[in-house]
Amino acid sequence: MLRKFVLVLATGGLVLGCAACNTVRGVGQDLESAANTVDKAT
């Protein structure tokens, strides 16, 4: 029972960690795109 609980917590942490990485990567891409747009406009 305890082993299943620990496995569920570890899996949940892994999923949340991967989601956070994708979110940060997406924000970085958005900022880069905005910077490129500003560079093209000037």
Protein backbone atom coordinates (compact mmCIF):
# COMPACT_ATOMS: atom_id res chain seq x y z
CA MET A 1 0.00 0.00 0.00
CA LEU A 2 2.75 2.45 0.96
CA ARG A 3 4.74 1.44 -2.12
CA LYS A 4 1.81 2.32 -4.41
CA PHE A 5 1.38 5.67 -2.66
CA VAL A 6 5.06 6.54 -3.15
CA LEU A 7 4.87 5.45 -6.80
CA VAL A 8 1.84 7.67 -7.40
CA LEU A 9 3.56 10.65 -5.77
CA ALA A 10 6.74 10.11 -7.79
CA THR A 11 4.78 9.78 -11.03
CA GLY A 12 2.77 12.91 -10.26
CA GLY A 13 5.93 14.86 -9.53
CA LEU A 14 7.49 13.70 -12.78
CA VAL A 15 4.43 14.72 -14.79
CA LEU A 16 4.28 18.15 -13.16
CA GLY A 17 8.01 18.63 -13.68
CA CYS A 18 7.72 17.87 -17.39
CA ALA A 19 4.74 20.20 -17.74
CA ALA A 20 6.68 23.01 -16.10
CA CYS A 21 9.62 22.51 -18.48
CA ASN A 22 7.31 22.71 -21.48
CA THR A 23 5.72 25.87 -20.14
CA VAL A 24 9.06 27.60 -19.61
CA ARG A 25 10.24 26.52 -23.05
CA GLY A 26 7.04 27.92 -24.59
CA VAL A 27 7.49 31.25 -22.83
CA GLY A 28 11.07 31.44 -24.10
CA GLN A 29 9.91 30.78 -27.66
CA ASP A 30 7.22 33.45 -27.36
CA LEU A 31 9.74 36.01 -26.11
CA GLU A 32 12.13 35.14 -28.91
CA SER A 33 9.36 35.50 -31.46
CA ALA A 34 8.38 38.90 -30.05
CA ALA A 35 12.01 40.05 -30.14
CA ASN A 36 12.35 38.96 -33.76
CA THR A 37 9.18 40.85 -34.66
CA VAL A 38 10.51 44.02 -33.03
CA ASP A 39 13.84 43.60 -34.84
CA LYS A 40 12.06 43.27 -38.20
CA ALA A 41 9.93 46.36 -37.49
CA THR A 42 12.94 48.61 -36.78
